[in-house]
Protein backbone atom coordinates (compact mmCIF):
# COMPACT_ATOMS: atom_id res chain seq x y z
CA LYS A 1 0.91 7.70 18.14
CA ARG A 2 2.76 7.86 14.81
CA GLN A 3 0.91 4.76 13.60
CA TYR A 4 -2.51 6.34 14.11
CA LYS A 5 -1.54 9.70 12.63
CA SER A 6 -0.27 7.99 9.49
CA LEU A 7 -2.98 5.34 9.14
CA LYS A 8 -4.67 5.52 5.76
CA TYR A 9 -7.97 3.91 4.99
CA GLU A 10 -10.43 3.50 2.17
CA ILE A 11 -13.98 2.23 2.48
CA LYS A 12 -14.29 -0.50 -0.14
CA ASN A 13 -17.84 -1.67 0.49
CA GLU A 14 -20.73 -1.52 2.90
CA SER A 15 -23.50 -4.00 3.31
CA ILE A 16 -26.58 -3.27 5.41
CA ASN A 17 -29.06 -5.94 6.40
CA GLY A 18 -31.65 -4.51 8.79
CA ASN A 19 -29.87 -3.52 11.98
CA ASP A 20 -26.61 -5.19 10.99
CA ALA A 21 -23.90 -3.81 8.73
CA ILE A 22 -20.48 -4.81 7.47
CA VAL A 23 -18.07 -2.14 6.30
CA THR A 24 -15.12 -3.45 4.31
CA THR A 25 -12.05 -1.24 4.45
CA LYS A 26 -8.51 -1.23 3.15
CA ILE A 27 -6.03 0.17 5.66
CA THR A 28 -2.38 1.05 5.21
CA VAL A 29 -0.23 1.05 8.35
CA TYR A 30 3.43 0.94 9.29
CA ASP A 31 4.65 -2.66 9.24
CA LEU A 32 5.97 -2.73 12.80
CA ILE A 33 5.94 -6.48 13.41
CA ASN A 34 9.40 -7.01 11.89
CA ALA A 35 10.94 -4.36 14.17
CA VAL A 36 9.29 -6.01 17.18
CA ASN A 37 10.46 -9.49 16.16
CA ASN A 38 13.98 -8.26 15.42
CA SER A 39 14.13 -6.44 18.76
CA ASN A 40 13.02 -9.57 20.59
CA GLY A 41 15.70 -11.55 18.78
CA TYR A 42 18.29 -8.94 19.68
CA LEU A 43 17.24 -9.18 23.33
CA GLU A 44 17.80 -12.93 23.34
CA ASN A 45 21.42 -12.49 22.23
CA HIS A 46 22.25 -9.22 24.02
CA ILE A 47 20.22 -9.26 27.22
CA GLU A 48 23.14 -7.87 29.23
CA GLU A 49 22.84 -4.58 27.32
CA PHE A 50 19.54 -4.00 29.11
CA ASN A 51 20.86 -4.57 32.62
CA ASP A 52 21.31 -1.80 35.16
CA ASP A 53 24.51 -1.07 37.09
CA ASN A 54 23.67 -3.96 39.42
CA ASN A 55 23.46 -6.35 36.44
CA ILE A 56 19.66 -6.70 36.79
CA TYR A 57 17.55 -6.76 33.62
CA GLN A 58 15.49 -3.60 33.19
CA GLU A 59 12.48 -4.06 30.93
CA ASN A 60 12.11 -0.30 30.51
CA LEU A 61 15.56 -0.16 28.87
CA PHE A 62 14.53 -2.83 26.41
CA ASN A 63 11.18 -1.14 25.74
CA THR A 64 13.00 2.11 24.96
CA TYR A 65 15.25 0.22 22.54
CA LYS A 66 12.26 -1.51 20.90
CA LEU A 67 10.29 1.74 20.54
CA ASN A 68 13.33 3.38 18.96
CA GLU A 69 13.59 0.52 16.46
CA MET A 70 9.86 0.79 15.70
CA SER A 71 10.19 4.55 15.10
CA LYS A 72 12.68 3.83 12.29
CA VAL A 73 10.16 1.78 10.28
CA ASN A 74 8.98 3.33 7.03
CA ASP A 75 7.66 0.19 5.32
CA THR A 76 3.90 -0.11 5.19
CA VAL A 77 1.48 -2.96 4.74
CA ASP A 78 -2.12 -3.04 3.47
CA TYR A 79 -4.90 -5.05 5.04
CA GLU A 80 -8.52 -5.54 4.12
CA ILE A 81 -10.65 -5.47 7.26
CA ASP A 82 -14.35 -6.02 7.79
CA PHE A 83 -15.90 -3.96 10.57
CA PHE A 84 -19.21 -5.17 11.98
CA LEU A 85 -21.82 -2.72 13.23
CA LYS A 86 -25.23 -2.93 14.85
CA LYS A 87 -27.89 -0.27 14.85
CA THR A 88 -28.93 0.48 18.42
CA ASN A 89 -31.47 3.21 19.21
CA GLY A 90 -31.03 4.60 15.71
CA GLU A 91 -27.22 4.81 15.98
CA TRP A 92 -24.64 2.57 14.31
CA VAL A 93 -22.37 1.03 16.94
CA LEU A 94 -19.12 -0.72 16.07
CA ASP A 95 -18.71 -4.23 17.45
CA ASN A 96 -15.46 -4.72 19.31
CA PRO A 97 -12.82 -5.77 16.79
CA ASP A 98 -11.18 -9.14 17.34
CA THR A 99 -7.53 -9.54 18.33
CA LEU A 100 -6.27 -10.08 14.77
CA THR A 101 -8.01 -6.92 13.58
CA ILE A 102 -6.45 -4.89 16.38
CA GLU A 103 -3.03 -6.35 15.56
CA LYS A 104 -3.49 -5.32 11.93
CA ILE A 105 -4.52 -1.77 12.85
CA ASN A 106 -1.46 -1.50 15.10
CA GLY A 107 0.89 -2.92 12.45
CA LEU A 108 1.68 -5.85 14.75
CA TYR A 109 -0.07 -8.65 12.86
CA ASN A 110 2.43 -11.47 12.40
CA TYR A 111 1.36 -12.33 8.84
CA GLU A 112 4.31 -14.70 8.37
CA ASN A 113 2.72 -17.09 10.88
CA TYR A 114 -0.64 -17.25 9.06
């Protein structure tokens, strides 16, 4: 929720060719991928901290930990994203973004691997 409230964007360019359009944007989002990666690393070395009283791993305990770590992030990252649209019945309709675009919007794009 915080990510979407704080998302900043700027339309850099738009290109229309008949019923097709590309809108190039610059977005600024919280850089959450490091908190996620660090949390996963912490889990590997401290899994017992997320066990219940019966010593059984509880994913919800880890998810609470990970969300808490993500809520501490103040660093942001900028991405340039192209959005593709088609005109249907006189209305511009956004094509479904690909997985990498969604990861960027959510601040979960693992840019160190690309």
